[in-house]
Protein backbone atom coordinates (compact mmCIF):
# COMPACT_ATOMS: atom_id res chain seq x y z
CA MET A 1 -0.17 0.17 -0.25
CA ALA A 2 1.35 3.21 -1.26
CA ASN A 3 2.30 5.62 1.87
CA GLY A 4 -0.06 8.22 0.44
CA VAL A 5 -3.03 5.83 0.42
CA ARG A 6 -2.31 4.38 3.40
CA ASN A 7 -2.11 7.96 5.41
CA GLU A 8 -5.18 9.18 3.62
CA LEU A 9 -7.04 5.96 4.90
CA LEU A 10 -5.79 6.36 8.49
CA MET A 11 -7.04 9.97 8.71
CA SER A 12 -10.86 9.30 7.48
CA THR A 13 -12.39 9.23 10.73
CA THR A 14 -15.69 7.95 9.35
CA LEU A 15 -14.37 5.45 7.07
CA ILE A 16 -12.13 4.34 9.74
CA ASP A 17 -15.02 3.63 12.23
CA GLU A 18 -16.68 1.63 9.19
CA LEU A 19 -13.79 -0.13 8.44
CA ALA A 20 -13.28 -1.15 12.28
CA GLU A 21 -16.92 -2.83 12.42
CA VAL A 22 -16.08 -4.67 9.15
CA ALA A 23 -12.70 -6.29 10.47
CA LYS A 24 -14.46 -7.11 13.80
CA ASP A 25 -16.92 -9.08 11.74
CA SER A 26 -14.47 -10.67 9.67
CA ALA A 27 -12.76 -11.66 12.96
CA PHE A 28 -15.87 -13.61 14.16
CA THR A 29 -16.47 -14.99 10.80
CA ASN A 30 -12.92 -16.46 10.93
CA GLY A 31 -12.83 -17.66 13.83
CA ILE A 32 -10.17 -15.15 15.54
CA LEU A 33 -11.80 -15.30 18.95
CA MET A 34 -11.07 -15.85 22.36
CA ARG A 35 -12.78 -16.55 26.00
CA LEU A 36 -13.42 -13.76 28.30
CA GLU A 37 -11.58 -13.13 31.36
CA ILE A 38 -14.83 -13.59 33.36
CA SER A 39 -15.32 -16.68 31.99
CA PRO A 40 -12.35 -18.42 30.69
CA ASN A 41 -13.77 -21.98 30.87
CA SER A 42 -16.77 -21.46 28.74
CA SER A 43 -17.12 -20.62 25.08
CA GLU A 44 -20.57 -19.40 25.69
CA GLU A 45 -19.42 -15.99 25.56
CA VAL A 46 -16.25 -15.04 23.28
CA THR A 47 -14.65 -12.13 21.85
CA TYR A 48 -12.58 -11.49 18.63
CA ALA A 49 -8.59 -11.35 19.43
CA PRO A 50 -6.91 -8.32 19.60
CA ILE A 51 -6.16 -7.33 15.95
CA THR A 52 -4.87 -4.60 13.65
CA LEU A 53 -7.24 -2.53 11.27
CA PHE A 54 -4.33 -2.99 8.49
CA PRO A 55 -1.67 -5.25 7.63
CA THR A 56 1.86 -4.01 8.11
CA PRO A 57 4.37 -3.41 5.74
CA VAL A 58 7.70 -5.79 6.02
CA PRO A 59 10.70 -5.60 3.79
CA ARG A 60 10.54 -8.74 1.46
CA ALA A 61 14.41 -9.32 2.05
CA LEU A 62 13.66 -9.57 5.80
CA PHE A 63 10.68 -11.74 5.57
CA LEU A 64 12.47 -14.38 3.47
CA GLN A 65 15.66 -14.28 5.98
CA GLY A 66 13.56 -15.11 8.66
CA VAL A 67 12.08 -18.07 6.72
CA ALA A 68 15.64 -19.32 5.38
CA VAL A 69 16.97 -19.23 8.66
CA GLN A 70 14.33 -20.86 10.94
CA THR A 71 15.27 -24.42 9.72
CA HIS A 72 18.74 -23.67 11.05
CA TYR A 73 17.26 -22.52 14.50
CA ASN A 74 15.03 -25.88 14.23
CA THR A 75 18.86 -28.01 14.08
CA LEU A 76 20.22 -25.59 16.64
CA VAL A 77 17.63 -26.11 19.50
CA ASP A 78 17.90 -29.93 18.51
CA LYS A 79 21.39 -30.18 18.52
CA ILE A 80 21.46 -28.37 22.04
CA SER A 81 19.04 -30.73 23.45
CA GLN A 82 21.11 -33.54 22.49
CA ASP A 83 23.83 -31.74 24.24
CA PRO A 84 23.91 -32.24 28.13
CA ASP A 85 27.65 -31.08 28.55
CA PHE A 86 26.62 -28.03 26.60
CA LEU A 87 23.21 -27.57 28.75
CA GLU A 88 25.07 -27.99 32.30
CA GLU A 89 27.96 -25.61 31.33
CA ALA A 90 25.35 -22.82 30.12
CA LEU A 91 23.14 -23.14 33.00
CA ALA A 92 25.49 -23.93 35.80
CA SER A 93 25.13 -20.21 37.24
CA THR A 94 21.36 -20.02 36.54
CA ILE A 95 20.43 -22.96 38.40
CA THR A 96 22.37 -21.88 41.69
CA VAL A 97 20.02 -18.95 42.29
CA ASP A 98 16.85 -19.36 40.04
CA ASP A 99 14.57 -22.34 41.99
CA PHE A 100 12.43 -22.82 38.99
CA THR A 101 15.25 -23.54 36.29
CA ALA A 102 16.73 -25.47 38.84
CA ARG A 103 13.84 -27.90 39.11
CA LEU A 104 13.49 -28.06 35.46
CA PHE A 105 17.34 -28.92 35.30
CA GLU A 106 16.90 -31.44 37.86
CA ILE A 107 14.32 -33.53 36.10
CA HIS A 108 16.59 -33.33 33.11
CA ARG A 109 19.18 -34.98 35.09
CA GLN A 110 16.98 -37.77 36.14
CA VAL A 111 15.94 -38.34 32.81
CA LEU A 112 19.32 -38.63 31.76
CA LYS A 113 20.16 -41.23 34.85
CA LYS A 114 17.55 -43.35 33.96
CA GLY A 115 18.28 -43.08 30.38
CA ARG A 116 15.83 -41.53 27.64
CA LEU A 117 13.56 -44.25 26.15
CA GLN A 118 12.03 -42.72 23.30
CA THR A 119 14.13 -41.65 20.43
CA ILE A 120 11.16 -39.84 18.81
CA VAL A 121 11.81 -35.83 18.77
CA LEU A 122 8.97 -33.48 18.04
CA GLY A 123 9.69 -29.78 18.05
CA LEU A 124 7.16 -26.87 17.61
CA ASN A 125 8.97 -23.54 18.18
CA ARG A 126 8.78 -19.88 17.18
CA SER A 127 11.44 -17.63 16.86
CA ASP A 128 10.57 -14.06 17.28
CA TYR A 129 12.36 -10.88 15.91
CA MET A 130 12.09 -6.93 15.39
CA TRP A 131 13.93 -5.15 12.76
CA GLU A 132 15.85 -1.88 12.76
CA MET A 133 18.23 0.36 11.08
CA GLU A 134 21.90 -0.85 11.05
CA ASN A 135 24.69 0.79 9.27
CA GLY A 136 22.38 2.09 6.88
CA HIS A 137 20.36 -0.73 6.10
CA THR A 138 17.55 -2.80 7.68
CA SER A 139 18.15 -5.80 9.94
CA LEU A 140 16.37 -8.77 11.54
CA LYS A 141 17.14 -9.08 15.20
CA GLN A 142 16.07 -12.12 17.39
CA ILE A 143 14.07 -11.30 20.62
CA GLU A 144 13.90 -14.95 21.82
CA ILE A 145 13.30 -18.58 20.45
CA ASN A 146 10.08 -20.10 22.32
CA THR A 147 10.63 -23.81 22.55
CA PHE A 148 7.71 -24.08 24.88
CA ALA A 149 4.15 -23.65 23.91
CA ALA A 150 4.77 -21.63 20.90
CA GLY A 151 1.20 -20.40 20.44
CA ALA A 152 -1.21 -17.99 18.20
CA GLY A 153 -0.84 -20.50 15.31
CA GLY A 154 -4.40 -21.22 14.77
CA MET A 155 -5.36 -17.37 14.77
CA ALA A 156 -2.20 -16.32 12.72
CA SER A 157 -3.55 -18.96 10.20
CA HIS A 158 -6.44 -16.60 9.72
CA ILE A 159 -5.70 -12.97 10.14
CA SER A 160 -4.63 -12.62 6.65
CA ASP A 161 -7.84 -13.25 5.52
CA VAL A 162 -9.11 -10.49 7.65
CA HIS A 163 -6.76 -7.78 6.33
CA ARG A 164 -7.23 -9.05 2.40
CA HIS A 165 -11.00 -8.54 3.13
CA ILE A 166 -10.30 -4.74 4.73
CA LEU A 167 -7.86 -3.79 1.68
CA ARG A 168 -10.64 -5.06 -1.02
CA VAL A 169 -13.39 -3.19 0.60
CA VAL A 170 -10.96 0.03 0.32
CA GLY A 171 -10.37 -0.67 -3.35
CA GLN A 172 -6.61 -1.64 -2.88
CA LEU A 173 -6.96 -4.96 -4.91
CA GLU A 174 -3.26 -5.31 -5.74
CA ASP A 175 -1.90 -4.64 -2.12
CA SER A 176 -4.40 -7.07 -0.82
CA GLN A 177 -2.54 -9.93 -3.32
CA ARG A 178 0.57 -9.05 -1.63
CA ILE A 179 -0.28 -10.55 1.81
CA ILE A 180 1.17 -13.75 1.54
CA ASP A 181 -0.75 -17.28 2.51
CA ASN A 182 -0.19 -18.41 5.98
CA ASN A 183 -1.27 -21.61 7.69
CA PRO A 184 1.11 -22.64 10.58
CA THR A 185 -1.74 -24.45 11.94
CA LEU A 186 -1.50 -27.24 8.95
CA GLY A 187 2.16 -27.38 9.67
CA GLN A 188 2.11 -27.88 13.02
CA ALA A 189 -0.45 -30.31 12.99
CA LYS A 190 1.41 -32.42 10.34
CA ALA A 191 4.38 -32.54 12.53
CA VAL A 192 2.57 -33.57 15.52
CA ALA A 193 0.79 -36.16 13.43
CA LYS A 194 4.21 -37.55 12.00
CA ALA A 195 5.35 -38.41 15.56
CA TRP A 196 2.09 -40.08 16.53
CA GLU A 197 2.63 -41.96 13.56
CA LEU A 198 6.17 -43.21 14.49
CA TYR A 199 4.97 -43.82 17.97
CA GLY A 200 3.06 -46.82 16.17
CA SER A 201 -0.15 -47.39 17.97
CA LYS A 202 -3.52 -46.31 16.29
CA ARG A 203 -5.37 -46.63 19.58
CA ALA A 204 -2.85 -43.88 21.35
CA VAL A 205 -4.16 -40.28 21.84
CA VAL A 206 -2.38 -36.79 21.74
CA MET A 207 -2.74 -35.47 24.85
CA PHE A 208 -2.58 -31.65 25.51
CA VAL A 209 -1.25 -30.37 28.78
CA VAL A 210 -3.34 -27.38 29.35
CA GLU A 211 -4.22 -24.55 32.17
CA GLU A 212 -7.30 -24.42 34.82
CA ASN A 213 -8.18 -21.35 33.20
CA GLU A 214 -7.84 -21.44 29.33
CA LYS A 215 -8.72 -18.27 27.55
CA ASN A 216 -6.72 -19.06 24.30
CA ILE A 217 -8.54 -22.96 23.80
CA LEU A 218 -10.05 -21.60 20.50
CA ASP A 219 -6.50 -20.86 19.13
CA GLN A 220 -5.55 -24.47 20.42
CA ARG A 221 -8.71 -25.97 19.03
CA PHE A 222 -7.33 -25.35 15.40
CA ILE A 223 -4.33 -27.81 15.90
CA GLU A 224 -6.76 -30.42 17.65
CA ASN A 225 -9.26 -30.09 14.70
CA GLU A 226 -6.65 -31.18 12.10
CA LEU A 227 -5.54 -34.01 14.01
CA TRP A 228 -9.18 -35.37 14.23
CA LYS A 229 -9.52 -34.97 10.40
CA GLY A 230 -6.66 -37.51 10.29
CA ASN A 231 -8.62 -39.77 12.78
CA ILE A 232 -5.98 -38.97 15.55
CA ALA A 233 -7.93 -38.67 18.67
CA THR A 234 -6.99 -35.77 21.33
CA ILE A 235 -7.68 -35.46 25.02
CA ARG A 236 -6.97 -32.21 27.02
CA LYS A 237 -5.77 -32.45 30.88
CA ARG A 238 -4.28 -30.59 33.30
CA PHE A 239 -1.14 -31.61 35.53
CA GLU A 240 -3.47 -32.66 38.31
CA ASP A 241 -5.46 -34.98 35.88
CA VAL A 242 -2.41 -36.55 35.11
CA SER A 243 -1.06 -36.77 38.71
CA GLU A 244 -4.47 -38.39 39.71
CA SER A 245 -5.18 -40.87 36.45
CA GLY A 246 -1.60 -41.31 34.79
CA LEU A 247 0.52 -44.35 35.31
CA LEU A 248 3.58 -46.25 33.47
CA ASP A 249 3.05 -49.81 32.62
CA GLY A 250 5.83 -52.23 32.47
CA HIS A 251 6.95 -51.00 29.06
CA LYS A 252 6.87 -47.35 30.22
CA ARG A 253 4.07 -46.54 27.98
CA LEU A 254 1.78 -43.71 29.62
CA PHE A 255 -1.60 -44.17 30.21
CA VAL A 256 -4.27 -41.16 31.23
CA ASP A 257 -7.45 -42.22 32.16
CA HIS A 258 -6.95 -45.32 30.64
CA GLN A 259 -5.79 -44.17 27.50
CA GLU A 260 -2.55 -44.84 26.13
CA VAL A 261 -0.59 -41.55 25.20
CA ALA A 262 1.45 -41.31 22.39
CA VAL A 263 2.18 -37.52 22.27
CA VAL A 264 2.31 -35.10 25.00
CA TYR A 265 1.94 -31.72 24.07
CA PHE A 266 2.73 -29.11 26.78
CA ARG A 267 0.60 -26.06 26.40
CA ASN A 268 1.39 -25.39 29.83
CA GLY A 269 4.13 -25.74 32.35
CA TYR A 270 6.39 -22.78 31.29
CA MET A 271 6.08 -20.89 34.53
CA PRO A 272 6.38 -21.82 38.05
CA GLN A 273 2.73 -21.07 38.88
CA HIS A 274 1.86 -23.69 36.66
CA TYR A 275 2.92 -26.09 39.08
CA LYS A 276 0.77 -25.81 41.83
CA SER A 277 1.86 -28.71 44.24
CA GLU A 278 4.64 -31.11 44.35
CA LYS A 279 2.33 -33.42 42.64
CA ALA A 280 2.41 -31.19 39.70
CA TRP A 281 6.20 -31.73 39.53
CA ASP A 282 5.71 -35.25 39.57
CA ALA A 283 3.55 -35.66 36.85
CA ARG A 284 5.77 -33.77 34.91
CA LEU A 285 8.33 -36.24 35.59
CA MET A 286 6.88 -39.29 35.08
CA MET A 287 5.71 -37.65 31.47
CA GLU A 288 9.47 -37.00 30.94
CA CYS A 289 10.23 -40.38 31.87
CA SER A 290 7.78 -42.31 29.61
CA LEU A 291 7.80 -43.67 26.26
CA ALA A 292 5.33 -40.89 25.07
CA VAL A 293 6.88 -38.35 22.51
CA LYS A 294 7.10 -35.13 24.20
CA CYS A 295 6.74 -31.47 22.69
CA PRO A 296 8.71 -30.09 24.23
CA ASP A 297 11.14 -32.97 26.07
CA ILE A 298 12.84 -31.30 29.21
CA SER A 299 16.17 -30.78 27.61
CA THR A 300 14.31 -28.92 24.54
CA HIS A 301 12.71 -27.01 26.98
CA LEU A 302 15.92 -25.73 28.88
CA ALA A 303 17.37 -25.30 25.52
CA GLY A 304 14.81 -22.37 25.19
CA THR A 305 16.04 -20.45 28.21
CA LYS A 306 17.44 -17.09 27.82
CA LYS A 307 20.55 -18.01 29.20
CA VAL A 308 21.26 -20.33 26.52
CA GLN A 309 20.41 -17.64 24.29
CA GLN A 310 23.01 -15.43 25.79
CA VAL A 311 25.48 -18.16 25.77
CA LEU A 312 25.09 -19.16 22.32
CA SER A 313 26.20 -15.41 21.13
CA GLN A 314 29.52 -15.87 22.43
CA PRO A 315 32.63 -16.34 20.20
CA GLY A 316 32.89 -19.78 18.91
CA VAL A 317 29.78 -21.33 20.36
CA LEU A 318 27.60 -21.66 17.46
CA GLU A 319 30.81 -23.44 15.46
CA ARG A 320 30.39 -26.18 18.46
CA PHE A 321 27.00 -27.16 16.85
CA PHE A 322 27.44 -25.95 13.25
CA PRO A 323 31.22 -27.24 12.38
CA ASP A 324 32.51 -26.99 8.95
CA GLN A 325 29.14 -24.89 8.18
CA PRO A 326 30.49 -21.26 8.07
CA GLN A 327 27.62 -19.85 6.18
CA VAL A 328 25.11 -21.46 8.45
CA VAL A 329 26.70 -19.89 11.58
CA GLU A 330 26.98 -16.41 9.66
CA GLN A 331 23.30 -16.62 8.72
CA VAL A 332 22.21 -17.46 12.30
CA ARG A 333 24.59 -15.01 14.21
CA ALA A 334 23.41 -12.21 11.77
CA THR A 335 19.94 -12.15 13.56
CA PHE A 336 21.51 -11.80 16.83
CA THR A 337 21.69 -8.65 18.99
CA GLY A 338 23.98 -7.46 22.09
CA LEU A 339 23.64 -10.26 24.95
CA TYR A 340 25.41 -9.95 27.89
CA SER A 341 25.96 -12.22 30.85
CA LEU A 342 25.44 -10.90 34.35
CA ASP A 343 27.53 -13.96 36.10
CA MET A 344 29.88 -13.02 38.96
CA GLY A 345 33.21 -11.87 37.68
CA ALA A 346 34.55 -8.59 35.65
CA GLU A 347 32.46 -9.28 32.84
CA GLY A 348 29.25 -9.31 34.74
CA ASP A 349 30.20 -6.25 36.22
CA LYS A 350 30.75 -4.28 33.15
CA ALA A 351 27.27 -5.42 31.92
CA VAL A 352 25.77 -4.59 35.35
CA GLU A 353 27.61 -1.06 35.13
CA MET A 354 26.50 -0.27 31.37
CA ALA A 355 22.58 -1.15 32.14
CA LEU A 356 22.87 1.52 35.08
CA ALA A 357 24.55 3.74 33.28
CA ALA A 358 21.90 3.81 30.58
CA PRO A 359 19.17 1.82 31.15
CA ASP A 360 16.76 2.78 28.25
CA ARG A 361 19.48 1.10 25.84
CA PHE A 362 18.75 -2.32 27.39
CA VAL A 363 16.12 -5.13 28.56
CA LEU A 364 16.72 -7.28 31.55
CA LYS A 365 15.39 -10.70 31.05
CA PRO A 366 14.69 -13.34 33.72
CA GLN A 367 14.58 -17.18 32.73
CA ARG A 368 10.80 -17.06 32.34
CA GLU A 369 8.16 -17.53 29.10
CA GLY A 370 4.85 -16.20 28.50
CA GLY A 371 5.12 -12.85 28.04
CA GLY A 372 5.20 -9.82 31.10
CA ASN A 373 8.22 -10.86 32.52
CA ASN A 374 10.95 -8.64 30.55
CA ILE A 375 12.29 -5.56 32.95
CA TYR A 376 12.85 -2.09 31.04
CA GLY A 377 14.07 1.25 31.64
CA GLN A 378 14.20 2.60 35.34
CA GLU A 379 12.73 -0.59 36.46
CA ILE A 380 16.45 -1.87 35.53
CA CYS A 381 18.09 0.25 37.81
CA GLU A 382 15.62 -0.91 40.77
CA VAL A 383 16.02 -4.41 40.15
CA LEU A 384 19.62 -4.49 39.52
CA GLY A 385 20.33 -2.11 42.36
CA LYS A 386 19.33 -4.56 44.82
CA VAL A 387 21.30 -7.48 43.41
CA LYS A 388 24.35 -6.10 41.81
CA ASN A 389 26.91 -7.57 44.06
CA SER A 390 25.18 -10.76 44.69
CA ALA A 391 24.83 -13.91 43.16
CA ALA A 392 20.85 -13.18 42.62
CA ARG A 393 22.04 -11.17 39.44
CA MET A 394 22.77 -14.36 37.56
CA ALA A 395 18.84 -15.14 37.27
CA TYR A 396 18.98 -12.46 34.60
CA ILE A 397 20.50 -11.91 31.15
CA LEU A 398 20.83 -8.35 29.52
CA MET A 399 20.01 -7.66 26.16
CA ASP A 400 20.19 -4.62 23.82
CA LYS A 401 16.89 -3.05 23.29
CA ILE A 402 15.96 -3.20 19.71
CA GLN A 403 15.07 0.22 18.10
CA PRO A 404 12.59 -0.64 15.35
CA GLU A 405 10.93 2.14 13.51
CA SER A 406 7.17 2.58 14.10
CA THR A 407 4.33 2.43 11.57
CA PRO A 408 0.81 4.35 12.29
CA ASN A 409 -2.03 1.79 12.44
CA TYR A 410 -5.10 1.19 14.66
CA LEU A 411 -5.44 -1.68 17.09
CA LEU A 412 -8.71 -2.98 17.73
CA ARG A 413 -9.44 -4.40 21.28
CA MET A 414 -12.96 -5.02 23.15
CA GLY A 415 -13.98 -2.15 24.99
CA LYS A 416 -10.91 0.15 23.96
CA PRO A 417 -11.21 3.12 22.47
CA LEU A 418 -10.21 3.48 18.51
CA LYS A 419 -7.39 5.44 17.93
CA ILE A 420 -4.36 6.02 15.72
CA SER A 421 -1.09 4.79 17.18
CA ASN A 422 2.36 4.87 16.34
CA CYS A 423 3.01 1.16 16.08
CA VAL A 424 5.87 -1.34 16.38
CA SER A 425 5.64 -4.91 15.10
CA GLU A 426 7.23 -8.26 16.14
CA LEU A 427 7.64 -11.10 13.88
CA GLY A 428 8.05 -14.82 14.68
CA PHE A 429 8.38 -17.82 12.14
CA PHE A 430 6.94 -21.38 13.09
CA GLY A 431 9.49 -24.00 13.06
CA THR A 432 8.59 -27.72 13.16
CA TYR A 433 10.81 -30.66 13.30
CA VAL A 434 10.62 -34.47 13.60
CA ARG A 435 13.58 -36.35 14.55
CA HIS A 436 13.67 -40.20 14.82
CA GLY A 437 17.12 -41.71 16.34
CA LYS A 438 19.66 -39.78 14.14
CA ASN A 439 17.62 -39.30 11.05
CA MET A 440 15.65 -35.95 10.59
CA LEU A 441 12.65 -36.75 8.93
CA MET A 442 10.96 -33.53 8.94
CA ASN A 443 12.57 -29.68 9.36
CA ASP A 444 10.72 -26.87 8.07
CA CYS A 445 9.28 -23.10 8.73
CA VAL A 446 5.45 -23.53 8.41
CA GLY A 447 4.39 -19.92 8.48
CA TYR A 448 4.58 -16.61 10.84
CA LEU A 449 3.18 -14.72 13.52
CA MET A 450 3.14 -10.70 13.46
CA ARG A 451 2.14 -8.80 16.62
CA THR A 452 1.81 -5.06 16.52
CA LYS A 453 1.55 -3.10 19.63
CA SER A 454 1.81 1.02 20.40
CA SER A 455 5.17 2.05 20.60
CA GLU A 456 4.65 3.05 24.19
CA CYS A 457 4.03 -0.47 25.25
CA ALA A 458 6.75 -2.67 26.34
CA ASP A 459 4.79 -6.06 26.25
CA SER A 460 3.93 -7.75 23.00
CA GLY A 461 0.93 -9.96 24.58
CA LEU A 462 -2.09 -10.91 22.84
CA LEU A 463 -3.74 -12.25 25.91
CA SER A 464 -2.88 -9.34 27.78
CA GLY A 465 -4.30 -6.87 24.94
CA THR A 466 -1.35 -4.88 24.51
CA ALA A 467 -0.88 -6.12 20.93
CA GLY A 468 -3.07 -7.22 18.14
CA LEU A 469 -2.42 -9.84 15.30
CA ASP A 470 -1.38 -8.66 12.20
CA SER A 471 -0.53 -9.72 8.56
CA VAL A 472 2.65 -9.22 6.72
CA LEU A 473 2.11 -6.97 3.62
CA LEU A 474 5.43 -7.27 1.46
CA PHE A 475 7.23 -4.59 -0.37
């Protein structure tokens, strides 16, 4: 969409009001829905998920770069998960001060001690980026890689249709064709189905491990529905359900409610509060020690920690996983921004002083997933001021704050006023892989997720309502 046309549309108040209603209705007809906060376990009352009114322009070269590097990230995550020495070295300092990561690492140790039973590995991940100007050209910079419960693929598969419709309504037919097809749900379901098939029991089910209160169930249903189309049964269970009715038979096959489980797909378990009792931890250990395929398994979960991300940025580390592949190393490293250790010692001291001197240049990251955990601006000084001289600082890493350019857009959110904002976008690429023994049978980039927020907001959460689903408009 030419800037002149876009700006003209953005400024037409009457047209914007009309288009907003069209967009909301289109979101409903395309199933871009979520449950309400007041009734998170009922689909009697739902609303549209937050969306942008218009798609966001993205340089074609950047988009293709993200697609191309995703299969390398899949390989990297898988190789890290198979390297217990690296995981121990990378997380040695973190597990002394972060109780949650330490509990996960203890499960990892127990699995290694007992021996991994399952040689089928299933990975569903998403690598998230922003883009900024660097030395006169635009570059893609990684925020993080999500190896656990990489969500929103279902809704991402349909937001393109909403934006195509909006552009057609305003007469931008040519631009509507520059929004590319996107169906990560189908790719994710194919990978899960392949793991289920390799497990080898048609009676066995795919078990989604889910939260007590699940606002986002409708997004997850897209994957479930694709699996049912292939006659693959799915069940949804909480940690508490697995604890109460789960057991391992003599062959270490996992049964829950008397149903054999071929694949455990964790959509819950990445935050400390997800483990409400010791029984939840026991259930996680039982699943990890079973013959079921885990997505992710415990070592892949640990591979997605912030500390591992920081260690990978150090000189020579990527070469450990891609020996004699300098081009791959270069492609992956090109997406890194500055990452700094806060371990005790001169290097960590220097990083602390940098952050305290210019907090707006950095993001302070704990070892947590799920949004809303990162620390920005003056709060960095408050947090680091308390821990700068103690080992407690090793629970965090420091990252350069990416400085993306903003684009004007409207965010549509239930109950929020409709107003134009300067927005920044976060572009994630969904990766899937299935390995059986040493053979990588699938390794793909299966689609993307774009989230756009006001440049004034730090968090990019869809469920929190600070960001809206968006589409890529290639130029």
